[in-house]
Protein backbone atom coordinates (compact mmCIF):
# COMPACT_ATOMS: atom_id res chain seq x y z
CA MET A 1 4.95 40.90 34.53
CA SER A 2 5.02 44.68 34.70
CA ILE A 3 2.22 46.55 33.03
CA ALA A 4 2.57 49.93 31.34
CA VAL A 5 -0.75 51.85 31.71
CA VAL A 6 -1.61 54.47 29.27
CA VAL A 7 -4.54 56.80 29.93
CA VAL A 8 -6.63 57.88 26.97
CA VAL A 9 -6.61 61.56 26.27
CA ALA A 10 -10.47 62.31 26.07
CA LEU A 11 -11.64 64.03 22.92
CA ALA A 12 -15.01 64.94 21.77
CA ALA A 13 -17.19 62.27 19.97
CA VAL A 14 -16.24 61.98 16.36
CA VAL A 15 -18.66 61.03 13.59
CA GLN A 16 -16.24 61.08 10.75
CA MET A 17 -13.35 58.81 10.74
CA GLN A 18 -11.10 60.42 8.14
CA SER A 19 -7.51 61.38 8.93
CA VAL A 20 -7.06 64.63 11.03
CA ARG A 21 -3.97 66.57 10.01
CA ALA A 22 -3.60 69.81 12.02
CA ASP A 23 0.05 70.23 11.40
CA SER A 24 1.63 68.89 8.30
CA ASN A 25 5.05 69.02 10.09
CA VAL A 26 3.85 66.35 12.64
CA GLU A 27 4.62 62.76 11.54
CA SER A 28 1.72 60.46 11.02
CA PRO A 29 1.74 57.41 13.41
CA GLY A 30 0.10 55.07 10.85
CA LYS A 31 -2.95 52.93 11.27
CA PRO A 32 -3.30 50.34 14.14
CA SER A 33 -3.50 46.61 12.89
CA ASN A 34 -5.13 43.52 14.09
CA VAL A 35 -8.08 45.22 15.70
CA SER A 36 -10.48 42.82 17.61
CA ALA A 37 -13.50 43.11 19.83
CA GLU A 38 -14.86 40.61 22.21
CA TYR A 39 -18.24 40.21 24.13
CA GLN A 40 -17.45 40.24 27.87
CA GLY A 41 -20.97 39.46 29.14
CA GLU A 42 -23.89 41.69 30.08
CA ARG A 43 -23.66 44.68 27.73
CA SER A 44 -19.85 45.02 27.81
CA ILE A 45 -17.04 44.70 25.14
CA SER A 46 -13.32 44.82 25.18
CA VAL A 47 -11.19 45.94 22.23
CA SER A 48 -7.49 44.89 21.42
CA TRP A 49 -5.21 46.06 18.66
CA ASP A 50 -1.38 46.17 17.72
CA ALA A 51 0.63 49.39 18.01
CA SER A 52 0.65 51.73 14.93
CA PRO A 53 3.75 51.24 12.76
CA ARG A 54 5.33 54.54 13.91
CA GLU A 55 4.34 54.70 17.47
CA LYS A 56 6.40 57.11 19.57
CA THR A 57 6.13 59.53 22.54
CA GLY A 58 2.98 61.46 22.03
CA VAL A 59 0.87 58.87 20.25
CA ARG A 60 -2.52 58.06 21.84
CA TYR A 61 -5.19 55.82 20.67
CA GLN A 62 -8.88 56.45 20.40
CA VAL A 63 -11.60 53.82 20.44
CA PHE A 64 -15.01 54.41 18.91
CA TYR A 65 -18.21 52.15 18.65
CA ARG A 66 -21.50 52.25 16.96
CA GLN A 67 -24.36 49.75 16.67
CA SER A 68 -24.74 48.27 13.26
CA GLY A 69 -27.42 50.05 11.15
CA THR A 70 -26.60 53.49 12.77
CA SER A 71 -24.47 56.30 11.57
CA ALA A 72 -23.06 58.12 14.60
CA TRP A 73 -20.00 56.89 16.39
CA THR A 74 -19.43 57.21 20.00
CA ASP A 75 -15.96 57.94 21.56
CA ALA A 76 -15.54 55.30 24.30
CA SER A 77 -13.04 57.47 26.17
CA THR A 78 -11.68 54.27 27.67
CA PRO A 79 -8.24 53.51 29.45
CA TYR A 80 -6.06 50.92 27.83
CA SER A 81 -2.88 49.20 28.49
CA ARG A 82 -0.26 46.65 27.10
CA PRO A 83 2.18 44.36 28.78
CA ALA A 84 5.68 45.51 28.80
CA GLY A 85 7.59 44.22 25.57
CA SER A 86 4.10 43.49 23.90
CA ALA A 87 2.85 45.29 20.80
CA THR A 88 -0.71 44.48 21.68
CA TYR A 89 -3.06 46.82 23.47
CA SER A 90 -6.22 46.01 25.41
CA SER A 91 -9.00 48.27 26.38
CA ASN A 92 -10.84 48.40 29.69
CA PRO A 93 -14.29 46.95 29.52
CA ILE A 94 -16.61 49.30 27.50
CA ALA A 95 -20.30 49.54 28.31
CA VAL A 96 -22.68 49.75 25.29
CA PRO A 97 -26.23 50.75 25.57
CA THR A 98 -28.10 47.74 24.17
CA LEU A 99 -27.64 44.24 22.88
CA GLY A 100 -26.81 43.74 19.17
CA LYS A 101 -24.04 43.89 16.74
CA TYR A 102 -21.45 46.50 16.95
CA GLN A 103 -18.73 48.03 15.03
CA VAL A 104 -15.50 49.21 16.74
CA ARG A 105 -12.81 51.37 15.43
CA VAL A 106 -9.38 52.21 16.73
CA ARG A 107 -7.19 54.90 15.43
CA ALA A 108 -3.75 56.46 16.45
CA CYS A 109 -3.30 60.11 16.91
CA HIS A 110 0.06 62.01 17.41
CA PHE A 111 -0.23 64.79 19.90
CA THR A 112 2.34 67.58 20.31
CA VAL A 113 2.86 70.66 22.22
CA GLY A 114 0.33 73.56 21.01
CA SER A 115 -2.39 71.01 20.34
CA ASN A 116 -1.04 70.10 16.94
CA THR A 117 -2.61 66.64 16.11
CA VAL A 118 -2.26 64.17 13.41
CA CYS A 119 -4.65 61.13 13.36
CA ASP A 120 -4.50 58.25 10.78
CA ASN A 121 -7.68 56.40 9.32
CA SER A 122 -8.94 54.04 11.93
CA ALA A 123 -8.97 50.03 11.70
CA ALA A 124 -12.30 48.37 12.29
CA ALA A 125 -13.86 45.19 13.73
CA THR A 126 -17.29 43.89 14.59
CA VAL A 127 -18.75 42.19 17.82
CA GLN A 128 -22.01 40.49 18.71
CA VAL A 129 -23.20 41.72 22.14
CA GLY A 130 -25.62 39.10 23.48
CA ALA A 131 -26.74 35.87 22.12
CA VAL A 132 -29.04 35.87 19.03
CA PRO A 133 -31.60 32.87 18.72
CA ALA A 134 -30.74 29.73 16.84
CA LYS A 135 -31.74 29.09 13.29
CA PRO A 136 -35.40 28.01 12.93
CA THR A 137 -36.14 24.35 11.99
CA GLY A 138 -39.13 22.74 10.43
CA LEU A 139 -39.63 25.32 7.81
CA LYS A 140 -42.76 24.42 5.60
CA LEU A 141 -44.31 26.29 2.59
CA LYS A 142 -47.80 25.56 1.24
CA GLN A 143 -49.50 27.31 -1.56
CA ALA A 144 -52.95 28.89 -0.66
CA ALA A 145 -56.06 27.92 -2.51
CA HIS A 146 -56.91 29.33 -5.90
CA PRO A 147 -57.56 32.19 -6.74
CA ASN A 148 -55.20 33.35 -3.89
CA HIS A 149 -51.62 33.48 -4.80
CA ASP A 150 -50.29 33.61 -1.15
CA ILE A 151 -47.95 31.19 0.51
CA HIS A 152 -48.62 29.90 3.96
CA VAL A 153 -45.45 29.52 6.10
CA THR A 154 -44.87 27.49 9.21
CA TRP A 155 -41.88 26.43 11.41
CA ASP A 156 -40.78 25.11 14.75
CA ALA A 157 -40.64 27.49 17.77
CA VAL A 158 -37.08 28.76 18.66
CA GLU A 159 -36.12 29.31 22.36
CA ASP A 160 -35.18 32.92 23.57
CA THR A 161 -37.19 34.48 20.72
CA ASP A 162 -39.14 37.64 20.83
CA ASN A 163 -40.36 37.55 17.15
CA TYR A 164 -39.61 36.20 13.75
CA LYS A 165 -38.62 38.03 10.64
CA ILE A 166 -39.96 36.68 7.33
CA ARG A 167 -38.69 37.93 4.06
CA TRP A 168 -39.24 36.59 0.57
CA ARG A 169 -38.29 37.16 -3.08
CA ALA A 170 -38.84 35.82 -6.42
CA GLU A 171 -36.14 33.30 -7.39
CA ASP A 172 -34.36 35.70 -9.69
CA ALA A 173 -34.91 38.98 -7.62
CA SER A 174 -33.59 40.31 -4.31
CA LEU A 175 -35.32 40.26 -0.84
CA GLY A 176 -38.01 42.82 -0.13
CA ASP A 177 -39.18 44.48 3.16
CA PRO A 178 -39.69 42.06 5.97
CA MET A 179 -42.92 41.19 7.94
CA PHE A 180 -42.81 40.08 11.56
CA ALA A 181 -44.72 37.45 13.47
CA THR A 182 -44.92 36.47 17.13
CA THR A 183 -46.24 32.94 16.44
CA THR A 184 -44.73 30.21 14.39
CA GLN A 185 -46.80 30.77 11.29
CA ALA A 186 -47.42 33.64 8.60
CA THR A 187 -48.97 34.09 5.37
CA VAL A 188 -46.65 35.74 2.67
CA PRO A 189 -48.80 37.98 0.46
CA LEU A 190 -48.23 37.55 -3.29
CA ASP A 191 -49.85 38.82 -6.49
CA GLU A 192 -48.58 36.26 -9.11
CA TYR A 193 -47.46 32.68 -9.39
CA GLY A 194 -43.98 31.53 -9.88
CA ALA A 195 -40.79 30.39 -8.07
CA TRP A 196 -40.38 32.11 -4.67
CA VAL A 197 -37.78 31.87 -1.91
CA VAL A 198 -38.97 32.38 1.74
CA ARG A 199 -36.58 33.06 4.63
CA VAL A 200 -37.29 33.03 8.25
CA GLU A 201 -35.09 34.38 11.12
CA ALA A 202 -35.64 34.27 14.94
CA CYS A 203 -34.99 37.53 16.64
CA ASN A 204 -34.54 39.00 20.21
CA ASP A 205 -32.96 42.07 21.85
CA ALA A 206 -29.44 41.01 20.71
CA GLY A 207 -30.52 40.75 16.93
CA CYS A 208 -31.65 38.02 14.52
CA GLY A 209 -29.98 34.55 14.15
CA LYS A 210 -29.17 32.55 11.06
CA PRO A 211 -32.12 32.35 8.53
CA ALA A 212 -33.90 29.31 7.42
CA SER A 213 -34.71 29.28 3.71
CA LYS A 214 -36.89 27.23 1.35
CA THR A 215 -38.14 27.36 -2.16
CA ILE A 216 -41.52 26.80 -3.49
CA THR A 217 -43.04 27.08 -7.13
CA THR A 218 -46.63 28.19 -7.04
CA SER A 219 -49.04 27.57 -9.91
CA ILE A 220 -52.55 27.74 -10.83
CA LEU A 221 -52.43 23.92 -10.92
CA PRO A 222 -53.18 22.19 -7.58
CA PRO A 223 -50.54 19.74 -6.49
CA LYS A 224 -50.75 16.13 -7.76
CA GLN A 225 -52.46 13.92 -5.37
CA SER A 226 -50.59 11.32 -3.36
CA GLY A 227 -51.39 8.26 -1.37
CA LEU A 228 -53.91 6.93 -3.86
CA THR A 229 -55.15 3.36 -3.07
CA VAL A 230 -57.79 1.15 -4.54
CA GLU A 231 -59.44 -1.92 -2.89
CA THR A 232 -61.64 -4.49 -4.59
CA GLN A 233 -63.65 -7.50 -3.65
CA LYS A 234 -64.17 -10.64 -5.69
CA ASP A 235 -67.52 -10.70 -7.52
CA SER A 236 -68.11 -7.10 -6.85
CA LEU A 237 -67.96 -4.37 -9.48
CA PHE A 238 -67.36 -1.73 -6.70
CA ILE A 239 -63.97 -0.29 -6.10
CA ASN A 240 -63.10 1.61 -2.73
CA VAL A 241 -60.78 4.53 -3.56
CA ALA A 242 -58.76 6.40 -0.94
CA TRP A 243 -56.27 9.24 -1.01
CA HIS A 244 -54.29 11.85 1.23
CA ASP A 245 -56.41 14.85 1.80
CA HIS A 246 -54.50 17.92 0.79
CA GLY A 247 -56.96 20.51 2.18
CA ASP A 248 -59.85 22.34 0.76
CA HIS A 249 -59.77 20.79 -2.89
CA GLN A 250 -62.40 19.19 -5.04
CA TYR A 251 -61.61 15.62 -5.91
CA TYR A 252 -62.73 13.77 -8.87
CA ILE A 253 -62.53 10.02 -9.60
CA LEU A 254 -62.00 8.99 -13.24
CA LEU A 255 -62.15 5.68 -15.01
CA ARG A 256 -60.75 4.12 -18.01
CA LYS A 257 -59.58 0.78 -19.62
CA PRO A 258 -55.84 0.36 -20.01
CA ASP A 259 -54.52 1.83 -23.16
CA GLU A 260 -57.80 3.72 -23.80
CA ALA A 261 -58.92 7.28 -22.93
CA TYR A 262 -60.79 8.11 -19.76
CA LEU A 263 -64.51 7.33 -19.99
CA GLY A 264 -65.31 10.51 -17.84
CA MET A 265 -65.90 11.37 -14.20
CA ARG A 266 -67.28 8.68 -11.88
CA GLY A 267 -67.56 10.48 -8.73
CA SER A 268 -66.43 13.66 -6.84
CA SER A 269 -65.61 14.86 -3.21
CA ARG A 270 -65.13 18.24 -1.60
CA GLY A 271 -62.39 17.91 1.09
CA GLY A 272 -62.81 14.15 1.64
CA SER A 273 -60.39 11.26 1.24
CA THR A 274 -62.54 8.20 0.23
CA LEU A 275 -65.12 7.43 -2.44
CA ARG A 276 -66.74 4.26 -3.75
CA ILE A 277 -67.20 3.83 -7.51
CA LYS A 278 -68.86 1.06 -9.83
CA VAL A 279 -67.06 -0.11 -12.89
CA ASP A 280 -68.79 -1.46 -15.96
CA GLY A 281 -67.60 -4.98 -15.83
CA TYR A 282 -64.93 -7.35 -14.71
CA GLY A 283 -61.26 -6.99 -15.80
CA ASP A 284 -58.40 -4.47 -15.58
CA TRP A 285 -59.11 -0.78 -15.08
CA VAL A 286 -57.27 2.33 -14.36
CA VAL A 287 -58.53 4.68 -11.67
CA GLY A 288 -57.60 8.27 -11.89
CA LEU A 289 -57.63 10.77 -9.01
CA GLN A 290 -57.61 14.52 -10.03
CA SER A 291 -57.83 17.52 -7.66
CA CYS A 292 -59.07 20.92 -8.46
CA TRP A 293 -59.57 24.27 -6.72
CA PRO A 294 -63.20 24.69 -5.23
CA GLY A 295 -65.46 26.53 -7.34
CA ILE A 296 -63.89 25.62 -10.78
CA SER A 297 -65.84 23.55 -13.22
CA TRP A 298 -64.14 20.26 -14.01
CA GLY A 299 -65.44 20.30 -17.62
CA TYR A 300 -63.58 23.48 -18.57
CA VAL A 301 -60.53 23.74 -16.51
CA CYS A 302 -59.89 20.98 -13.92
CA ARG A 303 -59.98 18.13 -16.67
CA HIS A 304 -56.54 19.43 -17.81
CA PHE A 305 -54.87 19.18 -14.23
CA PRO A 306 -52.45 16.47 -13.20
CA ILE A 307 -53.92 12.99 -12.52
CA ALA A 308 -52.61 10.33 -10.14
CA GLU A 309 -53.44 6.77 -11.35
CA LYS A 310 -53.67 3.39 -9.97
CA ARG A 311 -54.16 0.08 -12.06
CA VAL A 312 -56.65 -2.48 -10.59
CA SER A 313 -57.94 -5.89 -11.56
CA VAL A 314 -61.67 -6.47 -10.89
CA GLU A 315 -62.18 -10.34 -10.60
CA GLY A 316 -65.46 -12.20 -10.91
CA THR A 317 -66.01 -16.02 -10.16
CA THR A 318 -66.11 -18.31 -13.22
CA PRO A 319 -69.77 -19.58 -13.68
CA ALA A 320 -70.41 -23.36 -12.58
CA GLY A 321 -69.97 -25.93 -15.37
CA MET A 322 -67.69 -23.57 -17.43
CA SER A 323 -64.30 -24.64 -16.16
CA ASN A 324 -61.84 -26.16 -18.77
CA PHE A 325 -63.96 -24.90 -21.54
CA GLU A 326 -62.64 -25.58 -24.99
CA VAL A 327 -63.80 -24.61 -28.45
CA GLU A 328 -63.37 -27.45 -31.20
CA ASP A 329 -63.02 -26.60 -34.81
CA VAL A 330 -65.62 -28.74 -36.69
CA SER A 331 -65.11 -27.21 -40.09
């Protein structure tokens, strides 16, 4: 297949992409269509496009590029060609200065004798140069201990990552300025409780990958305890209580009879996960586990926090000689 090679006429770098009309008597070539860009490896891209609708002798194409987030366009001044009989042009490889996301633009210009030039508005495309890291996994959020409003954030490590970008917002607001971390943990500084969305992206020289996102609702109330278990032995009024330790909390054990109010606190533990308490007699009991932030009095604040409950039967042996005991009405 024969190839018609067209050499680009080198012009000065252009920073504004509006139409250029030096001579109103020169026909506009129209905007190119189907512009696309492909990453060629290393720091190289190629650009292709379909011919402008009024292409004729004297029409040349200009290819520009810029990195996303910058304003100035660079004239690639690259040769291009198209196969005979085809309407699609392809540029030679274009070397870009760094990895990252790029925008490309192609515009058609009609050149005539006397330097009279008409260029139409350009068509654009985007291309990623270099591979960005994968989306982080294992994202976890945990509320800091009262009175701190912060959120502790952790995630799994991502390969080929230089750092991580962490952003957050209130559930009904937009994302704020990011913070960066080189490890797989960070603390999001907050000044109030509420519903928050936290987003983590893995980044390298090519840019940042897709974000992992999670929502947490923070509150002055500590989380309701989980993993509550109770263990009894026959003929013993003692109950062994165990639970999942959720960090630096103050734990309180409460006790009540079924369908009655709590009798009060029967024991407490700072940062532990087991406790032994004594009940007032055999029968059915409800054991309550309540957690509170350290340094807060149970009597004024913590008593209103959520309670995890477990019902237990404390059994004693029937005394000798008292089996099949009956009461006879002798009246």
